[in-house]
């Protein structure tokens, strides 16, 4: 097994707790499915949100998916002028089989952030 960091991002339309939880759940599920991960493969997960999202912690969605034993952290993304608004990002540290390719996941409007990652949408 190899220690790996997986990246992903998604967006929401409004600073709404329900939307933040729904989008984060969708993102975490997609990262897990595309990388064939189980909770016991996960080491930790860092979530960031742009400064316009503060209605809920994205980690709440991960806990609702059964990741309560995985160390989770939420932080604020750097506020760069002109950057995409209402973005939730994650960096998931996990163990993956040697030779497997990382599958980063960018959903919704966040797909525009990493067009260079083929298959990340």
PDB file of N, CA and C in Angstrom:
ATOM      1  N   UNK A   1       0.844  -1.190   0.000  1.00  0.00           N
ATOM      2  CA  UNK A   1       0.000   0.000   0.000  1.00  0.00           C
ATOM      3  C   UNK A   1       0.885   1.247   0.000  1.00  0.00           C
ATOM      4  N   UNK A   2       0.369   2.280  -0.615  1.00  0.00           N
ATOM      5  CA  UNK A   2       1.100   3.531  -0.754  1.00  0.00           C
ATOM      6  C   UNK A   2       0.271   4.671  -0.164  1.00  0.00           C
ATOM      7  N   UNK A   3       0.915   5.558   0.594  1.00  0.00           N
ATOM      8  CA  UNK A   3       0.230   6.739   1.116  1.00  0.00           C
ATOM      9  C   UNK A   3       0.039   7.718  -0.025  1.00  0.00           C
ATOM     10  N   UNK A   4      -1.190   8.247  -0.148  1.00  0.00           N
ATOM     11  CA  UNK A   4      -1.535   9.117  -1.265  1.00  0.00           C
ATOM     12  C   UNK A   4      -2.407  10.269  -0.770  1.00  0.00           C
ATOM     13  N   UNK A   5      -2.344  11.388  -1.477  1.00  0.00           N
ATOM     14  CA  UNK A   5      -3.245  12.521  -1.218  1.00  0.00           C
ATOM     15  C   UNK A   5      -4.118  12.714  -2.453  1.00  0.00           C
ATOM     16  N   UNK A   6      -5.400  12.739  -2.247  1.00  0.00           N
ATOM     17  CA  UNK A   6      -6.362  12.938  -3.323  1.00  0.00           C
ATOM     18  C   UNK A   6      -6.985  14.316  -3.178  1.00  0.00           C
ATOM     19  N   UNK A   7      -7.226  14.980  -4.296  1.00  0.00           N
ATOM     20  CA  UNK A   7      -7.816  16.309  -4.275  1.00  0.00           C
ATOM     21  C   UNK A   7      -9.203  16.274  -4.895  1.00  0.00           C
ATOM     22  N   UNK A   8     -10.005  17.246  -4.508  1.00  0.00           N
ATOM     23  CA  UNK A   8     -11.322  17.389  -5.087  1.00  0.00           C
ATOM     24  C   UNK A   8     -11.935  18.720  -4.716  1.00  0.00           C
ATOM     25  N   UNK A   9     -12.976  19.087  -5.445  1.00  0.00           N
ATOM     26  CA  UNK A   9     -13.683  20.331  -5.158  1.00  0.00           C
ATOM     27  C   UNK A   9     -15.078  20.263  -5.756  1.00  0.00           C
ATOM     28  N   UNK A  10     -15.943  21.078  -5.197  1.00  0.00           N
ATOM     29  CA  UNK A  10     -17.304  21.222  -5.693  1.00  0.00           C
ATOM     30  C   UNK A  10     -17.773  22.626  -5.361  1.00  0.00           C
ATOM     31  N   UNK A  11     -18.940  22.967  -5.809  1.00  0.00           N
ATOM     32  CA  UNK A  11     -19.500  24.289  -5.534  1.00  0.00           C
ATOM     33  C   UNK A  11     -20.943  24.162  -5.056  1.00  0.00           C
ATOM     34  N   UNK A  12     -21.422  25.231  -4.454  1.00  0.00           N
ATOM     35  CA  UNK A  12     -22.834  25.346  -4.076  1.00  0.00           C
ATOM     36  C   UNK A  12     -23.355  26.673  -4.616  1.00  0.00           C
ATOM     37  N   UNK A  13     -24.663  26.782  -4.725  1.00  0.00           N
ATOM     38  CA  UNK A  13     -25.272  28.012  -5.238  1.00  0.00           C
ATOM     39  C   UNK A  13     -25.397  29.092  -4.177  1.00  0.00           C
ATOM     40  N   UNK A  14     -25.595  28.670  -2.928  1.00  0.00           N
ATOM     41  CA  UNK A  14     -25.831  29.626  -1.844  1.00  0.00           C
ATOM     42  C   UNK A  14     -25.126  29.179  -0.574  1.00  0.00           C
ATOM     43  N   UNK A  15     -24.902  30.113   0.333  1.00  0.00           N
ATOM     44  CA  UNK A  15     -24.341  29.825   1.646  1.00  0.00           C
ATOM     45  C   UNK A  15     -25.447  29.249   2.523  1.00  0.00           C
ATOM     46  N   UNK A  16     -25.747  28.000   2.298  1.00  0.00           N
ATOM     47  CA  UNK A  16     -26.859  27.312   2.946  1.00  0.00           C
ATOM     48  C   UNK A  16     -26.346  25.990   3.506  1.00  0.00           C
ATOM     49  N   UNK A  17     -26.641  25.712   4.767  1.00  0.00           N
ATOM     50  CA  UNK A  17     -26.138  24.503   5.418  1.00  0.00           C
ATOM     51  C   UNK A  17     -26.511  23.244   4.639  1.00  0.00           C
ATOM     52  N   UNK A  18     -27.743  23.141   4.198  1.00  0.00           N
ATOM     53  CA  UNK A  18     -28.181  21.969   3.455  1.00  0.00           C
ATOM     54  C   UNK A  18     -27.411  21.781   2.161  1.00  0.00           C
ATOM     55  N   UNK A  19     -27.181  22.865   1.440  1.00  0.00           N
ATOM     56  CA  UNK A  19     -26.428  22.777   0.190  1.00  0.00           C
ATOM     57  C   UNK A  19     -24.972  22.387   0.440  1.00  0.00           C
ATOM     58  N   UNK A  20     -24.374  22.928   1.491  1.00  0.00           N
ATOM     59  CA  UNK A  20     -22.986  22.594   1.820  1.00  0.00           C
ATOM     60  C   UNK A  20     -22.871  21.112   2.157  1.00  0.00           C
ATOM     61  N   UNK A  21     -23.796  20.612   2.962  1.00  0.00           N
ATOM     62  CA  UNK A  21     -23.758  19.197   3.335  1.00  0.00           C
ATOM     63  C   UNK A  21     -24.000  18.292   2.130  1.00  0.00           C
ATOM     64  N   UNK A  22     -24.969  18.626   1.308  1.00  0.00           N
ATOM     65  CA  UNK A  22     -25.294  17.808   0.138  1.00  0.00           C
ATOM     66  C   UNK A  22     -24.118  17.768  -0.843  1.00  0.00           C
ATOM     67  N   UNK A  23     -23.536  18.922  -1.137  1.00  0.00           N
ATOM     68  CA  UNK A  23     -22.417  18.974  -2.090  1.00  0.00           C
ATOM     69  C   UNK A  23     -21.190  18.257  -1.546  1.00  0.00           C
ATOM     70  N   UNK A  24     -20.934  18.408  -0.247  1.00  0.00           N
ATOM     71  CA  UNK A  24     -19.776  17.743   0.352  1.00  0.00           C
ATOM     72  C   UNK A  24     -19.970  16.236   0.350  1.00  0.00           C
ATOM     73  N   UNK A  25     -21.154  15.774   0.679  1.00  0.00           N
ATOM     74  CA  UNK A  25     -21.443  14.330   0.631  1.00  0.00           C
ATOM     75  C   UNK A  25     -21.216  13.783  -0.770  1.00  0.00           C
ATOM     76  N   UNK A  26     -21.727  14.492  -1.768  1.00  0.00           N
ATOM     77  CA  UNK A  26     -21.561  14.070  -3.156  1.00  0.00           C
ATOM     78  C   UNK A  26     -20.070  13.982  -3.509  1.00  0.00           C
ATOM     79  N   UNK A  27     -19.292  14.970  -3.080  1.00  0.00           N
ATOM     80  CA  UNK A  27     -17.864  14.992  -3.373  1.00  0.00           C
ATOM     81  C   UNK A  27     -17.132  13.847  -2.685  1.00  0.00           C
ATOM     82  N   UNK A  28     -17.385  13.656  -1.402  1.00  0.00           N
ATOM     83  CA  UNK A  28     -16.703  12.588  -0.665  1.00  0.00           C
ATOM     84  C   UNK A  28     -17.070  11.223  -1.238  1.00  0.00           C
ATOM     85  N   UNK A  29     -18.349  11.008  -1.527  1.00  0.00           N
ATOM     86  CA  UNK A  29     -18.772   9.731  -2.136  1.00  0.00           C
ATOM     87  C   UNK A  29     -18.062   9.492  -3.466  1.00  0.00           C
ATOM     88  N   UNK A  30     -17.966  10.531  -4.289  1.00  0.00           N
ATOM     89  CA  UNK A  30     -17.340  10.383  -5.607  1.00  0.00           C
ATOM     90  C   UNK A  30     -15.852  10.058  -5.468  1.00  0.00           C
ATOM     91  N   UNK A  31     -15.162  10.713  -4.544  1.00  0.00           N
ATOM     92  CA  UNK A  31     -13.737  10.422  -4.328  1.00  0.00           C
ATOM     93  C   UNK A  31     -13.570   8.980  -3.856  1.00  0.00           C
ATOM     94  N   UNK A  32     -14.425   8.552  -2.926  1.00  0.00           N
ATOM     95  CA  UNK A  32     -14.332   7.183  -2.417  1.00  0.00           C
ATOM     96  C   UNK A  32     -14.611   6.165  -3.518  1.00  0.00           C
ATOM     97  N   UNK A  33     -15.672   6.385  -4.296  1.00  0.00           N
ATOM     98  CA  UNK A  33     -16.042   5.434  -5.348  1.00  0.00           C
ATOM     99  C   UNK A  33     -14.984   5.368  -6.445  1.00  0.00           C
ATOM    100  N   UNK A  34     -14.539   6.514  -6.916  1.00  0.00           N
ATOM    101  CA  UNK A  34     -13.586   6.541  -8.034  1.00  0.00           C
ATOM    102  C   UNK A  34     -12.220   5.985  -7.654  1.00  0.00           C
ATOM    103  N   UNK A  35     -11.911   6.017  -6.360  1.00  0.00           N
ATOM    104  CA  UNK A  35     -10.619   5.509  -5.896  1.00  0.00           C
ATOM    105  C   UNK A  35     -10.748   4.198  -5.136  1.00  0.00           C
ATOM    106  N   UNK A  36     -11.960   3.624  -5.142  1.00  0.00           N
ATOM    107  CA  UNK A  36     -12.239   2.353  -4.475  1.00  0.00           C
ATOM    108  C   UNK A  36     -11.741   2.352  -3.028  1.00  0.00           C
ATOM    109  N   UNK A  37     -12.124   3.405  -2.282  1.00  0.00           N
ATOM    110  CA  UNK A  37     -11.675   3.578  -0.903  1.00  0.00           C
ATOM    111  C   UNK A  37     -12.741   3.148   0.090  1.00  0.00           C
ATOM    112  N   UNK A  38     -12.299   2.545   1.154  1.00  0.00           N
ATOM    113  CA  UNK A  38     -13.135   2.288   2.324  1.00  0.00           C
ATOM    114  C   UNK A  38     -12.644   3.213   3.427  1.00  0.00           C
ATOM    115  N   UNK A  39     -13.466   3.421   4.425  1.00  0.00           N
ATOM    116  CA  UNK A  39     -13.098   4.325   5.522  1.00  0.00           C
ATOM    117  C   UNK A  39     -11.792   3.921   6.183  1.00  0.00           C
ATOM    118  N   UNK A  40     -11.525   2.628   6.291  1.00  0.00           N
ATOM    119  CA  UNK A  40     -10.300   2.196   6.969  1.00  0.00           C
ATOM    120  C   UNK A  40      -9.038   2.420   6.130  1.00  0.00           C
ATOM    121  N   UNK A  41      -9.185   2.869   4.867  1.00  0.00           N
ATOM    122  CA  UNK A  41      -8.040   3.253   4.043  1.00  0.00           C
ATOM    123  C   UNK A  41      -7.650   4.707   4.287  1.00  0.00           C
ATOM    124  N   UNK A  42      -8.532   5.474   4.923  1.00  0.00           N
ATOM    125  CA  UNK A  42      -8.347   6.918   5.054  1.00  0.00           C
ATOM    126  C   UNK A  42      -7.509   7.264   6.279  1.00  0.00           C
ATOM    127  N   UNK A  43      -6.569   8.192   6.080  1.00  0.00           N
ATOM    128  CA  UNK A  43      -5.700   8.662   7.151  1.00  0.00           C
ATOM    129  C   UNK A  43      -6.253   9.956   7.737  1.00  0.00           C
ATOM    130  N   UNK A  44      -6.610  10.915   6.891  1.00  0.00           N
ATOM    131  CA  UNK A  44      -7.177  12.193   7.330  1.00  0.00           C
ATOM    132  C   UNK A  44      -7.764  12.914   6.129  1.00  0.00           C
ATOM    133  N   UNK A  45      -8.566  13.940   6.414  1.00  0.00           N
ATOM    134  CA  UNK A  45      -9.173  14.726   5.347  1.00  0.00           C
ATOM    135  C   UNK A  45      -9.245  16.181   5.783  1.00  0.00           C
ATOM    136  N   UNK A  46      -8.775  17.061   4.918  1.00  0.00           N
ATOM    137  CA  UNK A  46      -8.835  18.500   5.151  1.00  0.00           C
ATOM    138  C   UNK A  46      -9.843  19.080   4.167  1.00  0.00           C
ATOM    139  N   UNK A  47     -10.780  19.849   4.681  1.00  0.00           N
ATOM    140  CA  UNK A  47     -11.747  20.570   3.860  1.00  0.00           C
ATOM    141  C   UNK A  47     -11.439  22.051   3.957  1.00  0.00           C
ATOM    142  N   UNK A  48     -11.562  22.762   2.839  1.00  0.00           N
ATOM    143  CA  UNK A  48     -11.526  24.221   2.891  1.00  0.00           C
ATOM    144  C   UNK A  48     -12.766  24.751   2.191  1.00  0.00           C
ATOM    145  N   UNK A  49     -13.161  25.941   2.599  1.00  0.00           N
ATOM    146  CA  UNK A  49     -14.272  26.641   1.962  1.00  0.00           C
ATOM    147  C   UNK A  49     -13.824  28.056   1.638  1.00  0.00           C
ATOM    148  N   UNK A  50     -14.356  28.589   0.561  1.00  0.00           N
ATOM    149  CA  UNK A  50     -14.116  29.992   0.279  1.00  0.00           C
ATOM    150  C   UNK A  50     -14.788  30.819   1.372  1.00  0.00           C
ATOM    151  N   UNK A  51     -14.341  32.055   1.535  1.00  0.00           N
ATOM    152  CA  UNK A  51     -14.812  32.903   2.622  1.00  0.00           C
ATOM    153  C   UNK A  51     -16.304  33.190   2.632  1.00  0.00           C
ATOM    154  N   UNK A  52     -16.979  32.940   1.517  1.00  0.00           N
ATOM    155  CA  UNK A  52     -18.414  33.200   1.443  1.00  0.00           C
ATOM    156  C   UNK A  52     -19.259  32.015   1.924  1.00  0.00           C
ATOM    157  N   UNK A  53     -18.617  30.947   2.396  1.00  0.00           N
ATOM    158  CA  UNK A  53     -19.339  29.771   2.911  1.00  0.00           C
ATOM    159  C   UNK A  53     -19.020  29.575   4.391  1.00  0.00           C
ATOM    160  N   UNK A  54     -20.035  29.815   5.226  1.00  0.00           N
ATOM    161  CA  UNK A  54     -19.841  29.628   6.664  1.00  0.00           C
ATOM    162  C   UNK A  54     -21.098  29.102   7.363  1.00  0.00           C
ATOM    163  N   UNK A  55     -22.050  28.593   6.586  1.00  0.00           N
ATOM    164  CA  UNK A  55     -23.308  28.123   7.162  1.00  0.00           C
ATOM    165  C   UNK A  55     -23.182  26.754   7.828  1.00  0.00           C
ATOM    166  N   UNK A  56     -22.147  25.979   7.461  1.00  0.00           N
ATOM    167  CA  UNK A  56     -21.954  24.646   8.047  1.00  0.00           C
ATOM    168  C   UNK A  56     -20.522  24.179   7.785  1.00  0.00           C
ATOM    169  N   UNK A  57     -20.053  23.286   8.648  1.00  0.00           N
ATOM    170  CA  UNK A  57     -18.747  22.659   8.462  1.00  0.00           C
ATOM    171  C   UNK A  57     -18.884  21.494   7.482  1.00  0.00           C
ATOM    172  N   UNK A  58     -18.068  21.429   6.421  1.00  0.00           N
ATOM    173  CA  UNK A  58     -18.130  20.285   5.508  1.00  0.00           C
ATOM    174  C   UNK A  58     -17.852  18.950   6.209  1.00  0.00           C
ATOM    175  N   UNK A  59     -17.079  18.959   7.275  1.00  0.00           N
ATOM    176  CA  UNK A  59     -16.771  17.716   7.986  1.00  0.00           C
ATOM    177  C   UNK A  59     -18.022  17.034   8.521  1.00  0.00           C
ATOM    178  N   UNK A  60     -19.067  17.799   8.769  1.00  0.00           N
ATOM    179  CA  UNK A  60     -20.328  17.208   9.241  1.00  0.00           C
ATOM    180  C   UNK A  60     -20.847  16.208   8.215  1.00  0.00           C
ATOM    181  N   UNK A  61     -20.728  16.544   6.938  1.00  0.00           N
ATOM    182  CA  UNK A  61     -21.185  15.631   5.881  1.00  0.00           C
ATOM    183  C   UNK A  61     -20.357  14.354   5.867  1.00  0.00           C
ATOM    184  N   UNK A  62     -19.052  14.468   6.067  1.00  0.00           N
ATOM    185  CA  UNK A  62     -18.195  13.286   6.093  1.00  0.00           C
ATOM    186  C   UNK A  62     -18.551  12.391   7.269  1.00  0.00           C
ATOM    187  N   UNK A  63     -18.834  12.982   8.407  1.00  0.00           N
ATOM    188  CA  UNK A  63     -19.238  12.174   9.573  1.00  0.00           C
ATOM    189  C   UNK A  63     -20.555  11.450   9.300  1.00  0.00           C
ATOM    190  N   UNK A  64     -21.479  12.131   8.611  1.00  0.00           N
ATOM    191  CA  UNK A  64     -22.764  11.499   8.281  1.00  0.00           C
ATOM    192  C   UNK A  64     -22.572  10.309   7.356  1.00  0.00           C
ATOM    193  N   UNK A  65     -21.466  10.281   6.606  1.00  0.00           N
ATOM    194  CA  UNK A  65     -21.165   9.152   5.723  1.00  0.00           C
ATOM    195  C   UNK A  65     -20.444   8.023   6.450  1.00  0.00           C
ATOM    196  N   UNK A  66     -20.252   8.169   7.759  1.00  0.00           N
ATOM    197  CA  UNK A  66     -19.611   7.120   8.533  1.00  0.00           C
ATOM    198  C   UNK A  66     -18.114   7.291   8.702  1.00  0.00           C
ATOM    199  N   UNK A  67     -17.598   8.483   8.479  1.00  0.00           N
ATOM    200  CA  UNK A  67     -16.161   8.722   8.586  1.00  0.00           C
ATOM    201  C   UNK A  67     -15.785   9.361   9.922  1.00  0.00           C
ATOM    202  N   UNK A  68     -16.528   9.072  10.959  1.00  0.00           N
ATOM    203  CA  UNK A  68     -16.280   9.647  12.279  1.00  0.00           C
ATOM    204  C   UNK A  68     -14.939   9.270  12.873  1.00  0.00           C
ATOM    205  N   UNK A  69     -14.350   8.158  12.469  1.00  0.00           N
ATOM    206  CA  UNK A  69     -13.045   7.749  12.999  1.00  0.00           C
ATOM    207  C   UNK A  69     -11.888   8.357  12.209  1.00  0.00           C
ATOM    208  N   UNK A  70     -12.178   9.015  11.090  1.00  0.00           N
ATOM    209  CA  UNK A  70     -11.146   9.659  10.270  1.00  0.00           C
ATOM    210  C   UNK A  70     -10.943  11.085  10.789  1.00  0.00           C
ATOM    211  N   UNK A  71      -9.714  11.487  11.105  1.00  0.00           N
ATOM    212  CA  UNK A  71      -9.496  12.875  11.522  1.00  0.00           C
ATOM    213  C   UNK A  71      -9.880  13.838  10.400  1.00  0.00           C
ATOM    214  N   UNK A  72     -10.744  14.783  10.723  1.00  0.00           N
ATOM    215  CA  UNK A  72     -11.267  15.740   9.751  1.00  0.00           C
ATOM    216  C   UNK A  72     -10.952  17.155  10.221  1.00  0.00           C
ATOM    217  N   UNK A  73     -10.650  18.039   9.287  1.00  0.00           N
ATOM    218  CA  UNK A  73     -10.333  19.423   9.617  1.00  0.00           C
ATOM    219  C   UNK A  73     -10.966  20.335   8.581  1.00  0.00           C
ATOM    220  N   UNK A  74     -11.545  21.437   9.046  1.00  0.00           N
ATOM    221  CA  UNK A  74     -12.098  22.452   8.148  1.00  0.00           C
ATOM    222  C   UNK A  74     -11.289  23.726   8.300  1.00  0.00           C
ATOM    223  N   UNK A  75     -11.072  24.417   7.184  1.00  0.00           N
ATOM    224  CA  UNK A  75     -10.314  25.660   7.182  1.00  0.00           C
ATOM    225  C   UNK A  75     -10.868  26.589   6.111  1.00  0.00           C
ATOM    226  N   UNK A  76     -10.430  27.821   6.165  1.00  0.00           N
ATOM    227  CA  UNK A  76     -10.844  28.822   5.184  1.00  0.00           C
ATOM    228  C   UNK A  76      -9.830  28.862   4.056  1.00  0.00           C
ATOM    229  N   UNK A  77     -10.319  28.895   2.822  1.00  0.00           N
ATOM    230  CA  UNK A  77      -9.459  28.996   1.641  1.00  0.00           C
ATOM    231  C   UNK A  77      -8.909  30.423   1.541  1.00  0.00           C
ATOM    232  N   UNK A  78      -7.749  30.585   0.942  1.00  0.00           N
ATOM    233  CA  UNK A  78      -7.159  31.903   0.721  1.00  0.00           C
ATOM    234  C   UNK A  78      -8.100  32.724  -0.152  1.00  0.00           C
ATOM    235  N   UNK A  79      -8.364  33.961   0.247  1.00  0.00           N
ATOM    236  CA  UNK A  79      -9.307  34.835  -0.460  1.00  0.00           C
ATOM    237  C   UNK A  79      -8.577  35.603  -1.553  1.00  0.00           C
ATOM    238  N   UNK A  80      -8.438  34.986  -2.715  1.00  0.00           N
ATOM    239  CA  UNK A  80      -7.755  35.604  -3.844  1.00  0.00           C
ATOM    240  C   UNK A  80      -8.776  36.393  -4.665  1.00  0.00           C
ATOM    241  N   UNK A  81      -8.496  37.677  -4.929  1.00  0.00           N
ATOM    242  CA  UNK A  81      -9.435  38.466  -5.733  1.00  0.00           C
ATOM    243  C   UNK A  81      -9.720  37.810  -7.083  1.00  0.00           C
ATOM    244  N   UNK A  82     -10.994  37.732  -7.445  1.00  0.00           N
ATOM    245  CA  UNK A  82     -11.404  37.168  -8.723  1.00  0.00           C
ATOM    246  C   UNK A  82     -11.502  35.654  -8.755  1.00  0.00           C
ATOM    247  N   UNK A  83     -11.238  34.983  -7.626  1.00  0.00           N
ATOM    248  CA  UNK A  83     -11.323  33.520  -7.623  1.00  0.00           C
ATOM    249  C   UNK A  83     -12.775  33.062  -7.609  1.00  0.00           C
ATOM    250  N   UNK A  84     -12.976  31.811  -7.946  1.00  0.00           N
ATOM    251  CA  UNK A  84     -14.318  31.239  -8.009  1.00  0.00           C
ATOM    252  C   UNK A  84     -14.979  31.282  -6.638  1.00  0.00           C
ATOM    253  N   UNK A  85     -16.226  31.738  -6.553  1.00  0.00           N
ATOM    254  CA  UNK A  85     -16.925  31.786  -5.265  1.00  0.00           C
ATOM    255  C   UNK A  85     -17.590  30.463  -4.905  1.00  0.00           C
ATOM    256  N   UNK A  86     -17.949  30.337  -3.631  1.00  0.00           N
ATOM    257  CA  UNK A  86     -18.744  29.226  -3.094  1.00  0.00           C
ATOM    258  C   UNK A  86     -18.153  27.855  -3.421  1.00  0.00           C
ATOM    259  N   UNK A  87     -16.857  27.685  -3.152  1.00  0.00           N
ATOM    260  CA  UNK A  87     -16.148  26.441  -3.455  1.00  0.00           C
ATOM    261  C   UNK A  87     -15.794  25.704  -2.165  1.00  0.00           C
ATOM    262  N   UNK A  88     -16.035  24.408  -2.177  1.00  0.00           N
ATOM    263  CA  UNK A  88     -15.613  23.497  -1.103  1.00  0.00           C
ATOM    264  C   UNK A  88     -14.535  22.608  -1.701  1.00  0.00           C
ATOM    265  N   UNK A  89     -13.377  22.561  -1.059  1.00  0.00           N
ATOM    266  CA  UNK A  89     -12.279  21.725  -1.530  1.00  0.00           C
ATOM    267  C   UNK A  89     -11.955  20.669  -0.486  1.00  0.00           C
ATOM    268  N   UNK A  90     -11.324  19.592  -0.928  1.00  0.00           N
ATOM    269  CA  UNK A  90     -10.827  18.601   0.031  1.00  0.00           C
ATOM    270  C   UNK A  90      -9.473  18.083  -0.403  1.00  0.00           C
ATOM    271  N   UNK A  91      -8.712  17.672   0.581  1.00  0.00           N
ATOM    272  CA  UNK A  91      -7.498  16.890   0.358  1.00  0.00           C
ATOM    273  C   UNK A  91      -7.601  15.708   1.296  1.00  0.00           C
ATOM    274  N   UNK A  92      -7.716  14.532   0.714  1.00  0.00           N
ATOM    275  CA  UNK A  92      -7.909  13.290   1.454  1.00  0.00           C
ATOM    276  C   UNK A  92      -6.627  12.474   1.412  1.00  0.00           C
ATOM    277  N   UNK A  93      -6.084  12.179   2.578  1.00  0.00           N
ATOM    278  CA  UNK A  93      -4.899  11.322   2.681  1.00  0.00           C
ATOM    279  C   UNK A  93      -5.376   9.897   2.922  1.00  0.00           C
ATOM    280  N   UNK A  94      -4.835   8.965   2.135  1.00  0.00           N
ATOM    281  CA  UNK A  94      -5.315   7.584   2.222  1.00  0.00           C
ATOM    282  C   UNK A  94      -4.225   6.617   1.798  1.00  0.00           C
ATOM    283  N   UNK A  95      -4.461   5.352   2.080  1.00  0.00           N
ATOM    284  CA  UNK A  95      -3.610   4.282   1.580  1.00  0.00           C
ATOM    285  C   UNK A  95      -4.284   3.670   0.368  1.00  0.00           C
ATOM    286  N   UNK A  96      -3.498   3.488  -0.683  1.00  0.00           N
ATOM    287  CA  UNK A  96      -4.011   2.919  -1.926  1.00  0.00           C
ATOM    288  C   UNK A  96      -3.056   1.827  -2.396  1.00  0.00           C
ATOM    289  N   UNK A  97      -3.558   0.870  -3.147  1.00  0.00           N
ATOM    290  CA  UNK A  97      -2.684  -0.193  -3.658  1.00  0.00           C
ATOM    291  C   UNK A  97      -1.572   0.390  -4.534  1.00  0.00           C
ATOM    292  N   UNK A  98      -0.374  -0.172  -4.410  1.00  0.00           N
ATOM    293  CA  UNK A  98       0.729   0.223  -5.289  1.00  0.00           C
ATOM    294  C   UNK A  98       0.301   0.059  -6.735  1.00  0.00           C
ATOM    295  N   UNK A  99       0.666   1.027  -7.554  1.00  0.00           N
ATOM    296  CA  UNK A  99       0.350   0.954  -8.974  1.00  0.00           C
ATOM    297  C   UNK A  99      -0.999   1.526  -9.356  1.00  0.00           C
ATOM    298  N   UNK A 100      -1.869   1.777  -8.390  1.00  0.00           N
ATOM    299  CA  UNK A 100      -3.164   2.367  -8.731  1.00  0.00           C
ATOM    300  C   UNK A 100      -2.972   3.861  -9.018  1.00  0.00           C
ATOM    301  N   UNK A 101      -3.757   4.375  -9.924  1.00  0.00           N
ATOM    302  CA  UNK A 101      -3.677   5.781 -10.301  1.00  0.00           C
ATOM    303  C   UNK A 101      -4.636   6.603  -9.440  1.00  0.00           C
ATOM    304  N   UNK A 102      -4.185   7.761  -8.950  1.00  0.00           N
ATOM    305  CA  UNK A 102      -5.097   8.623  -8.184  1.00  0.00           C
ATOM    306  C   UNK A 102      -6.168   9.195  -9.094  1.00  0.00           C
ATOM    307  N   UNK A 103      -7.389   9.247  -8.603  1.00  0.00           N
ATOM    308  CA  UNK A 103      -8.516   9.809  -9.352  1.00  0.00           C
ATOM    309  C   UNK A 103      -9.052  11.004  -8.576  1.00  0.00           C
ATOM    310  N   UNK A 104      -8.592  12.196  -8.934  1.00  0.00           N
ATOM    311  CA  UNK A 104      -9.057  13.427  -8.312  1.00  0.00           C
ATOM    312  C   UNK A 104     -10.450  13.741  -8.858  1.00  0.00           C
ATOM    313  N   UNK A 105     -11.261  14.459  -8.082  1.00  0.00           N
ATOM    314  CA  UNK A 105     -12.659  14.673  -8.453  1.00  0.00           C
ATOM    315  C   UNK A 105     -13.024  16.149  -8.333  1.00  0.00           C
ATOM    316  N   UNK A 106     -13.460  16.729  -9.429  1.00  0.00           N
ATOM    317  CA  UNK A 106     -13.918  18.120  -9.457  1.00  0.00           C
ATOM    318  C   UNK A 106     -15.321  18.135 -10.037  1.00  0.00           C
ATOM    319  N   UNK A 107     -16.287  18.551  -9.236  1.00  0.00           N
ATOM    320  CA  UNK A 107     -17.703  18.480  -9.598  1.00  0.00           C
ATOM    321  C   UNK A 107     -18.307  19.870  -9.765  1.00  0.00           C
ATOM    322  N   UNK A 108     -19.455  19.889 -10.407  1.00  0.00           N
ATOM    323  CA  UNK A 108     -20.228  21.110 -10.607  1.00  0.00           C
ATOM    324  C   UNK A 108     -19.351  22.182 -11.254  1.00  0.00           C
ATOM    325  N   UNK A 109     -19.484  23.432 -10.827  1.00  0.00           N
ATOM    326  CA  UNK A 109     -18.688  24.518 -11.420  1.00  0.00           C
ATOM    327  C   UNK A 109     -17.201  24.358 -11.135  1.00  0.00           C
ATOM    328  N   UNK A 110     -16.848  23.610 -10.098  1.00  0.00           N
ATOM    329  CA  UNK A 110     -15.439  23.421  -9.754  1.00  0.00           C
ATOM    330  C   UNK A 110     -14.685  22.629 -10.807  1.00  0.00           C
ATOM    331  N   UNK A 111     -15.385  21.977 -11.721  1.00  0.00           N
ATOM    332  CA  UNK A 111     -14.716  21.264 -12.805  1.00  0.00           C
ATOM    333  C   UNK A 111     -13.816  22.213 -13.598  1.00  0.00           C
ATOM    334  N   UNK A 112     -14.172  23.496 -13.650  1.00  0.00           N
ATOM    335  CA  UNK A 112     -13.373  24.483 -14.376  1.00  0.00           C
ATOM    336  C   UNK A 112     -12.032  24.763 -13.694  1.00  0.00           C
ATOM    337  N   UNK A 113     -11.895  24.389 -12.442  1.00  0.00           N
ATOM    338  CA  UNK A 113     -10.646  24.639 -11.714  1.00  0.00           C
ATOM    339  C   UNK A 113      -9.511  23.756 -12.196  1.00  0.00           C
ATOM    340  N   UNK A 114      -9.826  22.569 -12.671  1.00  0.00           N
ATOM    341  CA  UNK A 114      -8.782  21.610 -13.054  1.00  0.00           C
ATOM    342  C   UNK A 114      -9.150  20.889 -14.337  1.00  0.00           C
ATOM    343  N   UNK A 115      -9.290  21.601 -15.401  1.00  0.00           N
ATOM    344  CA  UNK A 115      -9.591  20.995 -16.703  1.00  0.00           C
ATOM    345  C   UNK A 115      -8.456  20.076 -17.162  1.00  0.00           C
ATOM    346  N   UNK A 116      -7.271  20.254 -16.556  1.00  0.00           N
ATOM    347  CA  UNK A 116      -6.115  19.441 -16.938  1.00  0.00           C
ATOM    348  C   UNK A 116      -6.200  18.008 -16.421  1.00  0.00           C
ATOM    349  N   UNK A 117      -7.098  17.748 -15.485  1.00  0.00           N
ATOM    350  CA  UNK A 117      -7.218  16.408 -14.929  1.00  0.00           C
ATOM    351  C   UNK A 117      -8.302  15.633 -15.677  1.00  0.00           C
ATOM    352  N   UNK A 118      -7.902  14.880 -16.662  1.00  0.00           N
ATOM    353  CA  UNK A 118      -8.837  14.107 -17.469  1.00  0.00           C
ATOM    354  C   UNK A 118      -9.618  13.131 -16.595  1.00  0.00           C
ATOM    355  N   UNK A 119     -10.919  13.141 -16.736  1.00  0.00           N
ATOM    356  CA  UNK A 119     -11.754  12.203 -15.992  1.00  0.00           C
ATOM    357  C   UNK A 119     -12.072  12.637 -14.584  1.00  0.00           C
ATOM    358  N   UNK A 120     -11.731  13.862 -14.201  1.00  0.00           N
ATOM    359  CA  UNK A 120     -11.964  14.308 -12.834  1.00  0.00           C
ATOM    360  C   UNK A 120     -13.379  14.855 -12.647  1.00  0.00           C
ATOM    361  N   UNK A 121     -14.147  14.916 -13.736  1.00  0.00           N
ATOM    362  CA  UNK A 121     -15.490  15.472 -13.628  1.00  0.00           C
ATOM    363  C   UNK A 121     -16.516  14.367 -13.687  1.00  0.00           C
TER     364      UNK A 121
END
